[in-house]
Amino acid sequence: MTNAETVVSPGMNAMMKGAFKALGWKGPFWKHLPSVFRLANRFGVRQRGLQVHQANMRKVTDVKHYRG
């Protein structure tokens, strides 16, 4: 399991910790991921993010595969 605090930027990390504290959530980030995803789905944020990612991936034309 990846330590999410090392993956996101320090500013994003501080924002998430502040939001978790405001919501009364305690413990590690991964423990709250199901709740975060439920909220993101409820507001459509996750779907919009996936659509943006899909559009960006379609723009990629020069994919080189590593065959080691």
Protein backbone atom coordinates (compact mmCIF):
# COMPACT_ATOMS: atom_id res chain seq x y z
CA MET A 1 0.00 0.00 0.00
CA THR A 2 1.36 3.38 -0.95
CA ASN A 3 1.65 6.04 1.69
CA ALA A 4 -0.61 8.68 0.11
CA GLU A 5 1.06 11.45 2.08
CA THR A 6 4.25 10.91 0.09
CA VAL A 7 2.45 10.83 -3.28
CA VAL A 8 0.56 14.13 -3.11
CA SER A 9 2.12 17.57 -2.84
CA PRO A 10 2.77 19.05 0.62
CA GLY A 11 0.04 21.66 0.03
CA MET A 12 -2.51 19.01 -0.94
CA ASN A 13 -1.45 16.92 2.04
CA ALA A 14 -2.04 19.84 4.41
CA MET A 15 -5.42 20.56 2.81
CA MET A 16 -6.55 16.94 3.13
CA LYS A 17 -5.43 16.74 6.76
CA GLY A 18 -7.33 19.95 7.51
CA ALA A 19 -10.46 18.62 5.81
CA PHE A 20 -10.20 15.31 7.66
CA LYS A 21 -9.79 17.15 10.94
CA ALA A 22 -12.83 19.33 10.18
CA LEU A 23 -14.87 16.19 9.43
CA GLY A 24 -13.66 14.56 12.64
CA TRP A 25 -11.88 11.76 10.77
CA LYS A 26 -8.89 10.25 12.55
CA GLY A 27 -6.32 7.71 11.48
CA PRO A 28 -4.46 7.00 8.24
CA PHE A 29 -5.54 8.37 4.87
CA TRP A 30 -6.23 4.96 3.31
CA LYS A 31 -8.78 4.20 6.00
CA HIS A 32 -10.99 7.00 4.66
CA LEU A 33 -10.62 6.33 0.92
CA PRO A 34 -14.03 4.61 0.59
CA SER A 35 -15.70 7.68 2.12
CA VAL A 36 -13.67 10.03 -0.09
CA PHE A 37 -14.69 8.07 -3.21
CA ARG A 38 -18.36 8.05 -2.14
CA LEU A 39 -18.30 11.84 -1.73
CA ALA A 40 -16.48 12.29 -5.05
CA ASN A 41 -19.04 10.08 -6.80
CA ARG A 42 -21.95 11.91 -5.20
CA PHE A 43 -20.75 15.24 -6.59
CA GLY A 44 -19.59 13.82 -9.94
CA VAL A 45 -16.00 14.89 -9.33
CA ARG A 46 -14.54 11.47 -9.90
CA GLN A 47 -16.41 10.95 -13.19
CA ARG A 48 -15.29 14.33 -14.53
CA GLY A 49 -11.70 13.54 -13.56
CA LEU A 50 -11.88 10.20 -15.36
CA GLN A 51 -13.28 11.90 -18.47
CA VAL A 52 -10.45 14.44 -18.48
CA HIS A 53 -7.90 11.65 -18.06
CA GLN A 54 -9.49 9.68 -20.90
CA ALA A 55 -9.36 12.72 -23.21
CA ASN A 56 -5.69 13.30 -22.34
CA MET A 57 -4.83 9.66 -22.99
CA ARG A 58 -6.42 9.84 -26.44
CA LYS A 59 -4.06 12.68 -27.34
CA VAL A 60 -1.01 10.45 -26.80
CA THR A 61 0.30 9.23 -30.14
CA ASP A 62 3.91 8.23 -29.53
CA VAL A 63 3.70 5.31 -27.13
CA LYS A 64 6.84 3.18 -26.91
CA HIS A 65 6.57 -0.14 -25.14
CA TYR A 66 9.43 -1.56 -23.14
CA ARG A 67 10.11 -5.19 -23.91
CA GLY A 68 12.78 -6.25 -21.48
